[in-house]
Protein backbone atom coordinates (compact mmCIF):
# COMPACT_ATOMS: atom_id res chain seq x y z
CA MET A 1 6.09 16.07 -18.79
CA GLN A 2 6.79 18.92 -21.15
CA SER A 3 8.14 22.28 -20.19
CA GLY A 4 5.60 24.84 -19.04
CA PRO A 5 4.48 27.84 -21.08
CA HIS A 6 6.45 30.36 -19.06
CA GLU A 7 9.81 28.58 -19.19
CA LYS A 8 13.04 30.34 -20.13
CA HIS A 9 16.25 28.38 -20.43
CA LEU A 10 18.36 31.07 -18.81
CA PRO A 11 20.72 31.39 -15.89
CA VAL A 12 19.36 32.99 -12.74
CA GLU A 13 20.53 36.44 -13.83
CA THR A 14 17.97 38.12 -16.12
CA SER A 15 18.17 41.84 -16.72
CA SER A 16 15.01 43.84 -17.36
CA ALA A 17 17.08 46.49 -19.11
CA ARG A 18 17.12 44.39 -22.27
CA THR A 19 13.35 44.41 -22.51
CA GLY A 20 12.85 48.16 -22.09
CA ALA A 21 10.22 47.51 -19.40
CA PRO A 22 10.39 49.72 -16.31
CA PRO A 23 11.95 47.72 -13.47
CA ARG A 24 10.06 47.18 -10.24
CA PRO A 25 11.76 48.28 -7.00
CA ARG A 26 14.26 45.59 -6.02
CA HIS A 27 14.63 46.35 -2.31
CA LEU A 28 13.07 43.98 0.23
CA THR A 29 9.59 44.94 1.38
CA ILE A 30 8.56 44.02 4.90
CA THR A 31 5.24 42.23 4.18
CA PRO A 32 6.51 39.38 1.94
CA VAL A 33 9.59 39.02 4.13
CA VAL A 34 7.46 38.53 7.23
CA LEU A 35 5.16 36.12 5.39
CA GLY A 36 8.10 34.14 4.07
CA VAL A 37 9.69 33.88 7.52
CA VAL A 38 6.39 32.76 9.08
CA PHE A 39 5.69 30.17 6.39
CA GLY A 40 9.29 28.93 6.37
CA SER A 41 9.30 28.53 10.16
CA CYS A 42 5.94 26.72 10.19
CA LEU A 43 6.95 24.38 7.36
CA SER A 44 10.29 23.69 9.04
CA ALA A 45 8.46 22.66 12.22
CA LEU A 46 5.98 20.62 10.20
CA ASN A 47 8.78 18.73 8.43
CA VAL A 48 10.59 17.95 11.68
CA ILE A 49 7.37 16.39 13.00
CA LEU A 50 6.74 14.52 9.75
CA ALA A 51 10.32 13.21 9.75
CA PHE A 52 9.93 11.82 13.26
CA LYS A 53 6.44 10.46 12.57
CA VAL A 54 6.67 8.92 9.09
CA GLY A 55 10.23 9.47 7.88
CA THR A 56 9.30 11.74 4.99
CA GLY A 57 9.09 15.45 4.28
CA PHE A 58 6.64 17.91 2.75
CA GLY A 59 7.99 20.45 0.27
CA GLY A 60 5.19 22.91 0.90
CA ALA A 61 5.78 25.11 -2.15
CA ILE A 62 2.16 24.91 -3.26
CA VAL A 63 1.00 25.74 0.28
CA THR A 64 3.30 28.77 0.46
CA VAL A 65 2.08 30.10 -2.88
CA LEU A 66 -1.59 29.58 -2.03
CA LEU A 67 -1.48 31.07 1.46
CA GLY A 68 1.02 33.75 0.48
CA GLY A 69 -1.16 34.76 -2.43
CA ALA A 70 -4.22 34.96 -0.17
CA ALA A 71 -2.45 37.09 2.43
CA LEU A 72 -0.91 39.42 -0.13
CA ARG A 73 -4.26 39.86 -1.87
CA LEU A 74 -5.92 40.79 1.44
CA LEU A 75 -3.17 43.35 2.00
CA ARG A 76 -3.46 44.54 -1.63
CA LYS A 77 0.20 43.82 -2.29
CA LEU A 78 -0.11 40.82 -4.59
CA ASN A 79 2.12 40.78 -7.65
CA TRP A 80 4.63 38.31 -9.03
CA ARG A 81 7.61 39.87 -7.24
CA THR A 82 6.05 39.93 -3.77
CA LEU A 83 4.65 36.40 -4.16
CA PHE A 84 8.01 35.09 -5.36
CA LEU A 85 9.79 36.83 -2.49
CA THR A 86 7.43 35.11 -0.02
CA TYR A 87 7.96 31.75 -1.71
CA ALA A 88 11.75 32.07 -1.98
CA ILE A 89 12.20 32.94 1.71
CA ALA A 90 9.83 30.18 2.86
CA SER A 91 11.60 27.73 0.53
CA GLY A 92 14.90 28.42 2.27
CA GLY A 93 13.46 27.36 5.62
CA THR A 94 11.13 24.50 4.67
CA LEU A 95 13.61 21.62 4.96
CA ALA A 96 16.49 23.56 6.49
CA VAL A 97 17.28 21.04 9.25
CA THR A 98 15.26 17.87 8.57
CA ALA A 99 18.40 15.90 7.71
CA ILE A 100 20.16 17.22 10.82
CA ASP A 101 17.25 16.43 13.15
CA THR A 102 16.79 12.85 11.94
CA SER A 103 20.55 12.19 12.08
CA ILE A 104 20.86 13.60 15.60
CA GLY A 105 17.75 11.58 16.49
CA ALA A 106 19.62 8.44 15.45
CA GLY A 107 22.44 9.42 17.79
CA LEU A 108 19.97 9.89 20.65
CA LEU A 109 18.54 6.43 20.02
CA GLY A 110 22.08 5.04 20.25
CA GLY A 111 22.76 6.83 23.54
CA ALA A 112 24.86 9.70 22.16
CA PRO A 113 24.63 13.05 23.97
CA LEU A 114 22.67 15.88 22.39
CA PRO A 115 24.98 18.70 21.22
CA SER A 116 24.23 22.15 22.56
CA TRP A 117 21.44 24.22 21.02
CA MET A 118 23.86 26.98 20.03
CA PHE A 119 26.28 24.57 18.37
CA LEU A 120 23.55 22.93 16.29
CA ILE A 121 22.17 26.33 15.27
CA GLY A 122 25.60 27.44 14.06
CA ALA A 123 26.35 24.15 12.31
CA GLY A 124 22.94 24.17 10.62
CA LEU A 125 23.44 27.69 9.32
CA LEU A 126 26.89 26.83 7.96
CA ALA A 127 25.52 23.73 6.21
CA ASN A 128 22.70 25.72 4.63
CA LEU A 129 25.10 28.45 3.54
CA LEU A 130 27.36 25.87 1.91
CA GLY A 131 24.34 24.36 0.14
CA LEU A 132 23.25 27.75 -1.22
CA LEU A 133 26.72 28.37 -2.62
CA LEU A 134 26.73 24.94 -4.22
CA GLY A 135 23.31 25.77 -5.66
CA ILE A 136 24.64 28.97 -7.24
CA ALA A 137 27.46 27.01 -8.87
CA LEU A 138 25.20 24.24 -10.18
CA ALA A 139 22.08 26.25 -11.11
CA PRO A 140 22.88 27.16 -14.75
CA SER A 141 23.70 23.58 -15.78
CA ILE A 142 20.68 22.12 -14.01
CA ILE A 143 18.14 24.76 -15.08
CA ASN A 144 19.22 24.76 -18.73
CA ASP A 145 19.25 20.95 -19.04
CA ARG A 146 16.14 20.23 -21.13
CA SER A 147 16.10 16.60 -20.04
CA LEU A 148 15.27 17.64 -16.46
CA LYS A 149 11.52 18.41 -16.36
CA TYR A 150 10.84 19.29 -12.69
CA PRO A 151 7.43 17.54 -12.71
CA ALA A 152 6.53 18.63 -9.15
CA LEU A 153 7.52 22.27 -9.66
CA TRP A 154 5.51 23.25 -12.73
CA PRO A 155 2.13 23.26 -10.92
CA VAL A 156 3.66 25.79 -8.51
CA ILE A 157 4.96 27.95 -11.36
CA ASP A 158 1.62 27.88 -13.17
CA LEU A 159 -0.23 28.73 -9.97
CA MET A 160 2.03 31.73 -9.31
CA HIS A 161 1.33 33.10 -12.77
CA ALA A 162 -2.40 32.43 -12.36
CA LEU A 163 -2.60 34.25 -9.04
CA THR A 164 -0.68 37.25 -10.33
CA GLY A 165 -2.70 37.79 -13.47
CA SER A 166 -1.29 35.61 -16.24
CA GLY A 167 -3.34 32.44 -15.70
CA ASP A 168 -6.55 31.00 -14.24
CA ARG A 169 -6.95 33.25 -11.22
CA GLU A 170 -10.33 31.86 -10.17
CA ALA A 171 -8.91 28.33 -9.87
CA GLY A 172 -6.11 29.64 -7.65
CA VAL A 173 -8.60 31.34 -5.32
CA LYS A 174 -10.63 28.11 -5.00
CA GLU A 175 -7.48 26.18 -4.07
CA GLN A 176 -6.63 28.77 -1.43
CA ARG A 177 -10.04 28.39 0.19
CA LEU A 178 -9.88 24.61 0.14
CA ILE A 179 -6.44 24.46 1.74
CA LEU A 180 -7.52 26.88 4.48
CA VAL A 181 -10.59 24.75 5.23
CA GLY A 182 -8.42 21.65 5.45
CA ALA A 183 -5.95 23.38 7.76
CA VAL A 184 -8.68 24.56 10.13
CA VAL A 185 -10.30 21.11 10.26
CA ALA A 186 -6.95 19.39 10.86
CA ALA A 187 -5.94 21.81 13.61
CA GLY A 188 -9.30 21.32 15.33
CA LEU A 189 -9.03 17.53 15.18
CA SER A 190 -5.45 17.63 16.50
CA PHE A 191 -6.38 19.80 19.47
CA ALA A 192 -9.45 17.64 20.18
CA ALA A 193 -7.34 14.47 20.18
CA ALA A 194 -4.87 16.14 22.56
CA LEU A 195 -7.68 17.19 24.93
CA VAL A 196 -9.07 13.65 25.21
CA GLY A 197 -5.56 12.19 25.45
CA ARG A 198 -5.83 9.83 22.49
CA ASP A 199 -3.68 9.66 19.39
CA SER A 200 -5.17 6.46 17.95
CA LEU A 201 -8.22 4.21 18.01
CA PRO A 202 -8.10 0.38 18.18
CA LEU A 203 -9.42 -1.34 15.09
CA ALA A 204 -11.66 -3.55 17.22
CA PRO A 205 -12.42 -4.01 20.93
CA GLY A 206 -9.91 -6.15 22.79
CA VAL A 207 -7.20 -6.21 20.09
CA SER A 208 -3.59 -5.25 20.68
CA PRO A 209 -2.83 -1.50 20.82
CA TYR A 210 -0.51 -2.15 17.87
CA LEU A 211 -3.54 -2.72 15.62
CA ALA A 212 -4.93 0.80 15.67
CA LEU A 213 -5.82 3.74 13.46
CA SER A 214 -3.85 6.93 14.01
CA LEU A 215 -5.99 10.03 14.55
CA SER A 216 -3.38 12.30 12.98
CA PRO A 217 -4.92 14.38 10.15
CA MET A 218 -1.38 14.87 8.83
CA LEU A 219 -1.14 11.18 7.97
CA PHE A 220 -4.57 11.17 6.36
CA GLY A 221 -3.55 14.24 4.34
CA LEU A 222 -0.28 12.61 3.34
CA GLY A 223 -2.26 9.68 1.92
CA MET A 224 -4.30 12.15 -0.14
CA ARG A 225 -1.11 13.75 -1.49
CA ILE A 226 0.99 10.77 -2.55
CA SER A 227 0.55 8.91 -5.81
CA GLY A 228 -1.47 5.75 -6.19
CA SER A 229 1.63 3.68 -6.94
CA ALA A 230 3.33 4.96 -3.77
CA THR A 231 0.26 3.96 -1.77
CA VAL A 232 0.28 0.47 -3.26
CA TRP A 233 3.90 -0.11 -2.26
CA ILE A 234 3.36 1.26 1.25
CA GLY A 235 0.40 -1.12 1.47
CA VAL A 236 2.50 -4.07 0.36
CA GLY A 237 5.09 -3.25 3.03
CA ALA A 238 2.36 -2.84 5.66
CA VAL A 239 0.82 -6.21 4.77
CA TYR A 240 4.24 -7.87 5.10
CA SER A 241 4.74 -6.16 8.47
CA LEU A 242 1.30 -7.33 9.64
CA ILE A 243 2.06 -10.92 8.61
CA VAL A 244 5.30 -10.85 10.64
CA TRP A 245 3.47 -9.35 13.63
CA SER A 246 0.75 -12.03 13.43
CA ALA A 247 3.37 -14.76 13.26
CA ASN A 248 5.06 -13.38 16.38
CA VAL A 249 1.71 -13.34 18.17
CA LEU A 250 0.93 -16.95 17.23
CA TRP A 251 4.34 -18.53 17.69
CA GLY A 252 6.53 -16.01 19.45
CA SER A 253 5.72 -13.33 21.98
CA PRO A 254 2.81 -13.79 24.42
CA ARG A 255 -0.62 -12.45 23.53
CA PRO A 256 -2.03 -9.90 22.83
CA GLY A 257 1.03 -9.29 20.71
CA ALA A 258 4.25 -7.32 20.60
CA ALA A 259 4.28 -3.55 20.96
CA TYR A 260 5.72 -1.40 18.20
CA ILE A 261 9.29 -1.25 19.54
CA GLU A 262 9.46 -5.02 20.07
CA HIS A 263 8.01 -5.58 16.62
CA LEU A 264 10.46 -3.14 15.03
CA GLY A 265 13.41 -4.87 16.71
CA SER A 266 12.75 -8.09 14.81
CA PRO A 267 15.28 -8.72 12.02
CA TRP A 268 12.30 -9.62 9.84
CA ILE A 269 11.22 -5.96 10.09
CA LEU A 270 14.13 -3.61 10.77
CA ALA A 271 16.77 -5.47 8.77
CA VAL A 272 14.40 -6.00 5.84
CA GLY A 273 13.19 -2.36 5.81
CA VAL A 274 16.69 -0.92 6.07
CA GLY A 275 18.03 -3.41 3.52
CA LEU A 276 15.42 -2.35 0.96
CA LEU A 277 16.26 1.32 1.43
CA LEU A 278 20.02 0.80 1.35
CA GLY A 279 19.91 -1.59 -1.61
CA TYR A 280 17.76 0.83 -3.58
CA ALA A 281 20.19 3.66 -2.79
CA CYS A 282 23.12 1.70 -4.18
CA GLY A 283 21.20 0.48 -7.21
CA PHE A 284 19.77 3.90 -8.00
CA LEU A 285 23.16 5.62 -7.90
CA ALA A 286 24.74 2.85 -9.98
CA LYS A 287 21.95 3.26 -12.52
CA LEU A 288 22.27 7.04 -12.56
CA VAL A 289 26.05 7.17 -12.86
CA GLY A 290 26.11 4.28 -15.31
CA GLY A 291 23.65 6.08 -17.56
CA LYS A 292 25.47 9.40 -17.40
CA ARG A 293 29.22 9.05 -17.07
CA SER A 294 29.56 12.81 -16.93
CA VAL A 295 26.97 13.31 -14.17
CA VAL A 296 29.46 15.19 -12.03
CA THR A 297 31.66 16.78 -14.64
CA GLY A 298 28.67 17.85 -16.70
CA ALA A 299 27.28 19.82 -13.79
CA ILE A 300 30.28 22.14 -13.63
CA ARG A 301 30.72 23.01 -17.31
CA GLY A 302 31.10 26.56 -18.45
CA ARG A 303 33.05 27.90 -15.49
CA SER A 304 32.55 31.64 -15.36
CA VAL A 305 33.83 34.35 -13.07
CA ARG A 306 30.68 33.93 -11.00
CA TRP A 307 31.35 30.19 -10.74
CA ARG A 308 34.90 30.79 -9.55
CA VAL A 309 33.76 33.38 -6.99
CA THR A 310 31.08 31.01 -5.76
CA ALA A 311 33.58 28.17 -5.55
CA ALA A 312 35.88 30.36 -3.48
CA GLY A 313 32.98 31.25 -1.19
CA GLY A 314 32.03 27.60 -0.87
CA ALA A 315 35.61 26.69 0.02
CA ALA A 316 35.61 29.40 2.70
CA VAL A 317 32.37 28.14 4.19
CA MET A 318 33.67 24.57 4.04
CA ALA A 319 36.78 25.68 5.90
CA GLY A 320 34.54 27.31 8.50
CA CYS A 321 32.63 24.05 8.89
CA VAL A 322 35.88 22.14 9.34
CA VAL A 323 37.14 24.53 12.00
CA ALA A 324 33.82 24.55 13.86
CA LEU A 325 33.33 20.79 13.72
CA SER A 326 36.90 19.83 14.55
CA HIS A 327 36.54 21.40 17.99
CA TRP A 328 33.62 19.08 18.69
CA LEU A 329 34.33 15.99 16.56
CA PRO A 330 37.19 13.64 17.37
CA LEU A 331 38.46 13.87 13.79
CA THR A 332 41.50 15.47 12.31
CA TYR A 333 41.12 18.70 10.34
CA LEU A 334 42.30 16.88 7.22
CA MET A 335 39.78 14.03 7.54
CA THR A 336 36.89 16.45 8.09
CA ALA A 337 38.00 18.60 5.15
CA LEU A 338 38.25 15.60 2.83
CA ILE A 339 34.82 14.31 3.84
CA PHE A 340 33.18 17.67 3.17
CA ALA A 341 35.16 18.39 -0.01
CA VAL A 342 34.15 15.09 -1.61
CA LEU A 343 30.69 14.25 -0.30
CA ALA A 344 29.02 17.67 -0.11
CA PRO A 345 29.47 18.62 -3.81
CA LEU A 346 28.89 15.04 -5.01
CA PHE A 347 25.63 14.65 -3.13
CA ALA A 348 24.50 18.14 -4.18
CA VAL A 349 24.89 17.16 -7.84
CA LEU A 350 23.10 13.84 -7.39
CA MET A 351 20.32 15.30 -5.20
CA ASN A 352 19.57 18.04 -7.74
CA ARG A 353 19.49 15.73 -10.72
CA VAL A 354 17.20 13.28 -8.96
CA ASN A 355 14.91 16.07 -7.71
CA ALA A 356 14.74 17.69 -11.15
CA ALA A 357 14.06 14.38 -12.88
CA ILE A 358 11.38 12.83 -10.65
CA GLY A 359 10.26 15.66 -8.34
CA ILE A 360 11.54 13.93 -5.18
CA ALA A 361 14.64 14.72 -3.11
CA PRO A 362 15.44 11.33 -1.46
CA THR A 363 17.26 12.66 1.60
CA GLY A 364 17.00 9.39 3.51
CA VAL A 365 18.74 7.48 0.73
CA PHE A 366 21.72 9.81 0.91
CA GLN A 367 21.78 9.61 4.72
CA TYR A 368 22.13 5.81 4.56
CA LEU A 369 24.87 6.02 1.97
CA THR A 370 26.78 8.62 3.97
CA LEU A 371 26.61 6.42 7.06
CA VAL A 372 28.06 3.46 5.15
CA ILE A 373 30.92 5.61 3.81
CA LEU A 374 31.71 7.09 7.23
CA ALA A 375 31.56 3.69 8.94
CA LEU A 376 34.03 2.32 6.38
CA LEU A 377 36.28 5.29 7.18
CA HIS A 378 36.00 4.38 10.89
CA VAL A 379 34.50 7.73 11.81
CA PRO A 380 33.11 7.45 15.39
CA ALA A 381 29.34 7.00 15.57
CA GLY A 382 28.53 10.31 17.31
CA SER A 383 30.66 12.23 14.83
CA ALA A 384 29.20 10.29 11.89
CA TYR A 385 25.62 11.27 12.75
CA LEU A 386 26.49 14.95 12.86
CA LEU A 387 28.42 14.78 9.57
CA ILE A 388 25.55 12.89 7.93
CA GLY A 389 23.12 15.60 8.94
CA LEU A 390 25.31 18.47 7.76
CA ILE A 391 26.33 16.93 4.42
CA CYS A 392 22.76 15.95 3.49
CA CYS A 393 21.47 19.28 4.78
CA SER A 394 23.78 21.16 2.42
CA ALA A 395 22.71 18.96 -0.52
CA LEU A 396 19.05 19.64 0.24
CA ALA A 397 19.66 23.40 0.58
CA SER A 398 21.27 23.42 -2.87
CA ALA A 399 18.21 21.62 -4.30
CA TYR A 400 15.82 24.20 -2.87
CA PHE A 401 17.95 27.08 -4.13
CA ILE A 402 17.94 25.65 -7.64
CA GLU A 403 14.17 25.08 -7.47
CA ALA A 404 13.75 28.76 -6.57
CA ALA A 405 16.12 29.69 -9.40
CA LYS A 406 14.01 27.60 -11.79
CA VAL A 407 10.89 29.51 -10.72
CA ALA A 408 12.80 32.80 -11.10
CA SER A 409 13.73 31.86 -14.67
CA THR A 410 10.01 32.08 -15.58
CA ALA A 411 9.56 35.57 -14.10
CA PRO A 412 8.12 38.50 -16.05
CA ALA A 413 11.14 40.47 -17.22
CA PRO A 414 10.71 43.46 -14.87
CA ASP A 415 10.48 41.16 -11.83
CA ALA A 416 13.34 38.73 -12.50
CA PRO A 417 15.58 38.58 -9.40
CA ARG A 418 19.35 38.63 -9.55
CA THR A 419 21.41 35.79 -8.14
CA ARG A 420 22.56 37.77 -5.11
CA GLN A 421 18.95 38.71 -4.33
CA LEU A 422 17.77 35.11 -4.54
CA PHE A 423 20.71 34.14 -2.34
CA SER A 424 19.73 36.73 0.28
CA TYR A 425 16.10 35.56 0.23
CA GLN A 426 17.13 31.97 0.89
CA VAL A 427 19.56 32.99 3.64
CA ILE A 428 16.72 34.74 5.48
CA GLY A 429 14.56 31.64 5.15
CA SER A 430 17.38 29.36 6.27
CA ILE A 431 17.90 31.38 9.46
CA ALA A 432 14.19 31.08 10.30
CA GLY A 433 14.01 27.37 9.43
CA VAL A 434 17.17 26.41 11.31
CA GLY A 435 16.10 28.24 14.45
CA THR A 436 12.64 26.67 14.45
CA GLY A 437 13.73 23.16 13.49
CA ILE A 438 16.58 22.87 15.99
CA THR A 439 14.41 24.24 18.80
CA LEU A 440 11.72 21.69 17.97
CA LEU A 441 14.33 18.91 18.04
CA PHE A 442 15.18 19.90 21.60
CA LEU A 443 11.50 19.86 22.58
CA VAL A 444 10.93 16.40 21.08
CA SER A 445 14.08 15.03 22.72
CA GLU A 446 13.00 16.55 26.06
CA LEU A 447 9.78 14.53 25.84
CA GLY A 448 11.84 11.36 25.28
CA ASN A 449 9.44 10.19 22.58
CA ILE A 450 11.90 9.56 19.73
CA GLY A 451 11.64 5.93 18.69
CA THR A 452 8.25 5.37 20.35
CA ALA A 453 4.85 4.85 18.72
CA ALA A 454 4.18 8.61 19.08
CA PHE A 455 7.35 9.50 17.16
CA PRO A 456 8.56 6.23 15.56
CA ALA A 457 11.28 8.10 13.65
CA PRO A 458 11.80 5.41 10.98
CA THR A 459 14.76 7.19 9.38
CA SER A 460 16.51 7.71 12.73
CA THR A 461 15.76 4.14 13.79
CA ALA A 462 17.06 2.74 10.52
CA LEU A 463 20.25 4.83 10.80
CA ASP A 464 20.82 3.60 14.36
CA PHE A 465 20.26 -0.01 13.34
CA LEU A 466 22.54 0.23 10.32
CA ASN A 467 25.23 1.91 12.40
CA SER A 468 25.08 -0.85 15.02
CA LEU A 469 25.35 -3.53 12.37
CA LEU A 470 28.19 -1.87 10.47
CA ARG A 471 30.24 -1.45 13.62
CA GLY A 472 29.87 -5.06 14.74
CA SER A 473 27.35 -4.56 17.53
CA GLN A 474 26.57 -7.72 19.48
CA ASP A 475 22.95 -6.62 20.01
CA TYR A 476 21.79 -8.27 16.82
CA ALA A 477 22.12 -11.93 15.91
CA GLN A 478 24.21 -13.06 13.00
CA SER A 479 21.03 -13.90 11.14
CA THR A 480 20.26 -10.19 10.94
CA THR A 481 23.11 -9.78 8.45
CA VAL A 482 21.51 -12.39 6.23
CA PHE A 483 18.18 -10.52 6.26
CA LEU A 484 19.91 -7.22 5.52
CA ALA A 485 21.92 -8.69 2.63
CA ALA A 486 18.88 -10.40 1.09
CA ALA A 487 16.71 -7.28 1.36
CA GLY A 488 19.57 -5.15 0.05
CA LEU A 489 19.89 -7.30 -3.07
CA ALA A 490 16.13 -7.08 -3.57
CA GLY A 491 16.18 -3.28 -3.20
CA MET A 492 19.07 -3.03 -5.64
CA ALA A 493 17.26 -5.17 -8.21
CA LEU A 494 14.06 -3.14 -7.81
CA ALA A 495 15.98 0.04 -8.67
CA TRP A 496 15.87 -1.12 -12.30
CA SER A 497 12.11 -1.71 -12.21
CA PRO A 498 9.01 0.53 -12.00
CA ALA A 499 8.65 -0.49 -8.32
CA LEU A 500 9.11 2.00 -5.45
CA PRO A 501 11.43 0.30 -2.94
CA THR A 502 11.58 3.45 -0.79
CA MET A 503 7.81 3.31 -0.21
CA LEU A 504 7.98 -0.46 0.27
CA GLY A 505 10.68 -0.07 2.94
CA LEU A 506 8.70 2.64 4.72
CA GLY A 507 5.61 0.42 4.72
CA VAL A 508 7.64 -2.28 6.43
CA LEU A 509 9.07 0.07 9.07
CA LEU A 510 6.05 2.23 9.93
CA PRO A 511 3.61 1.32 12.74
CA ALA A 512 0.31 -0.21 11.64
CA ALA A 513 -1.62 2.84 12.91
CA THR A 514 0.44 5.12 10.69
CA SER A 515 0.19 2.96 7.57
CA ILE A 516 -3.57 2.49 7.98
CA ALA A 517 -4.15 6.26 8.24
CA ILE A 518 -2.08 6.88 5.10
CA LEU A 519 -3.87 4.13 3.19
CA LEU A 520 -7.26 5.47 4.29
CA GLY A 521 -6.32 8.91 2.99
CA SER A 522 -5.31 7.41 -0.34
CA VAL A 523 -8.58 5.47 -0.63
CA THR A 524 -10.45 8.73 0.01
CA LYS A 525 -8.43 10.39 -2.74
CA MET A 526 -9.36 7.67 -5.22
CA ALA A 527 -13.04 8.00 -4.28
CA THR A 528 -13.09 11.78 -4.74
CA GLN A 529 -11.08 11.47 -7.94
CA ARG A 530 -13.65 9.09 -9.40
CA HIS A 531 -16.52 11.33 -8.26
CA LYS A 532 -15.07 14.66 -9.41
CA ARG A 533 -13.06 13.37 -12.38
CA ASP A 534 -10.32 15.92 -11.62
CA GLN A 535 -7.26 13.60 -11.57
CA GLY A 536 -7.04 13.96 -7.79
CA ALA A 537 -6.57 17.76 -7.73
CA PHE A 538 -9.29 18.31 -5.08
CA ALA A 539 -7.94 15.59 -2.78
CA SER A 540 -4.30 16.71 -3.18
CA THR A 541 -5.16 20.32 -2.32
CA LEU A 542 -7.27 19.28 0.67
CA GLY A 543 -4.47 16.94 1.75
CA SER A 544 -2.03 19.86 1.73
CA GLY A 545 -4.38 21.73 4.07
CA LEU A 546 -4.68 18.76 6.43
CA ILE A 547 -0.89 18.36 6.58
CA LEU A 548 -0.41 22.07 7.15
CA GLY A 549 -3.05 22.39 9.89
CA GLY A 550 -2.04 19.19 11.66
CA GLY A 551 1.65 20.09 11.56
CA ILE A 552 1.09 23.57 12.97
CA ALA A 553 -1.17 22.16 15.72
CA ASN A 554 1.47 19.56 16.67
CA ALA A 555 4.16 22.23 16.78
CA LEU A 556 1.99 24.32 19.12
CA LEU A 557 1.12 21.33 21.32
CA LEU A 558 4.70 20.13 21.80
CA PRO A 559 5.78 22.93 24.20
CA ILE A 560 2.62 22.32 26.26
CA GLN A 561 3.40 18.61 26.47
CA VAL A 562 6.98 19.37 27.55
CA LEU A 563 5.80 21.73 30.30
CA THR A 564 3.16 19.30 31.59
CA SER A 565 5.27 16.12 31.38
């Protein structure tokens, strides 16, 4: 994909003084700040639910721009600066704690105690702050690298320019309406399903509850958003999972068949799914580093005063993390400092290059790799889960900062934000996202649903399984190691092919009800794409609305379920 028409290969700093154009006021205005905080909080909650339901996240940039543009237009405050401010704040909160929540979820599955709400809030804020500082240091080298195309970001950039007067404004308005319709429909369906007390429908009368169709509009919307190739590989994994389940019904467990947890516990499922993900992680990084020997050193070229100041700030935040964590983790200060000093910057570089190259930030892949490293270092399991969450959280925060910096590099000259302004926007969003996401984690854990069919938490379950195996747990037979090794080799080999082992592994691990809903959404997308001949734009936009509405409805229903349980 070629660079968009508005692109400038510049650092984040861009002064309007050079252009002679009168600068817009640079102070924060309350309306876009409030909108950004609301969107960031909602998307943070949505991503926590998605992570526990399907093990994936939703960036939400296009949703923020569409809804933010609609709200600002109604308030007669729409321009590029206010829309960017809304987007940048929401971006800081969107995935602020997803890595932390899924890692802590793995600890809960393994019987570890849940850290206090206040501790997790503080740790999450420190991890996000470290990620933002790493983003400042890495932004110039990533943004100005012409080989990194940001395929998923350019539609957002073009839409922002269209809504603010430099593109197809009518198309942007139509997308806004469609996403709002989808959100309303999804919210209504979610509340209706909650009222009747059903979250799935059996595929046929008398069959096992495992063979069902999820009624979640979020899953249907997700199927409308993902690519056709991703759907195919999820389908392949789901077919394999169904074959294993059928075999267990015929020759193993008594009829009408194993429930989801029993099915997931089979080495044919959990070991194979985790092995594919872990093998792909190793193969992908070997491929990336092998192709670019200077992947790390190239990211820190051109050290300026700003880079040195940022590095000093990052070191200070890292020291704060070490001090805070060492009072809770049974690790020495030196061990914690070394883990952060090596893994946080390394994963930030790798995460950003992957995200910029293919438009996906594979957080789960880095979580599995971190667990393997920490297990080899004999870090205790409870401590490892917390470190995994914080390290991957900081890498993800750096990726979202650099995405916002990439958008800022296309700004009209009078509206271009300075680095410190972009940093402050993302800090505000991070505070909102961390508070919402951690609170939602406590609500989900209070329900006790993590690891059940309602919240299968494939990433958390895979982390717990891998941790048990790495530490010599006796809960799994020796044959499990064989399955893991075979699947790992397959995942590693597939990293050098056009296949999508991540989607294949998820298809293996997800419940049948979840996979069927996703596949049904994808089939609907193909049908509308053939009818409208729009390359799936209608279905993708509607899918965003379904995900948004379903996620917000689930977030609102969770406190009610906690109070009534």
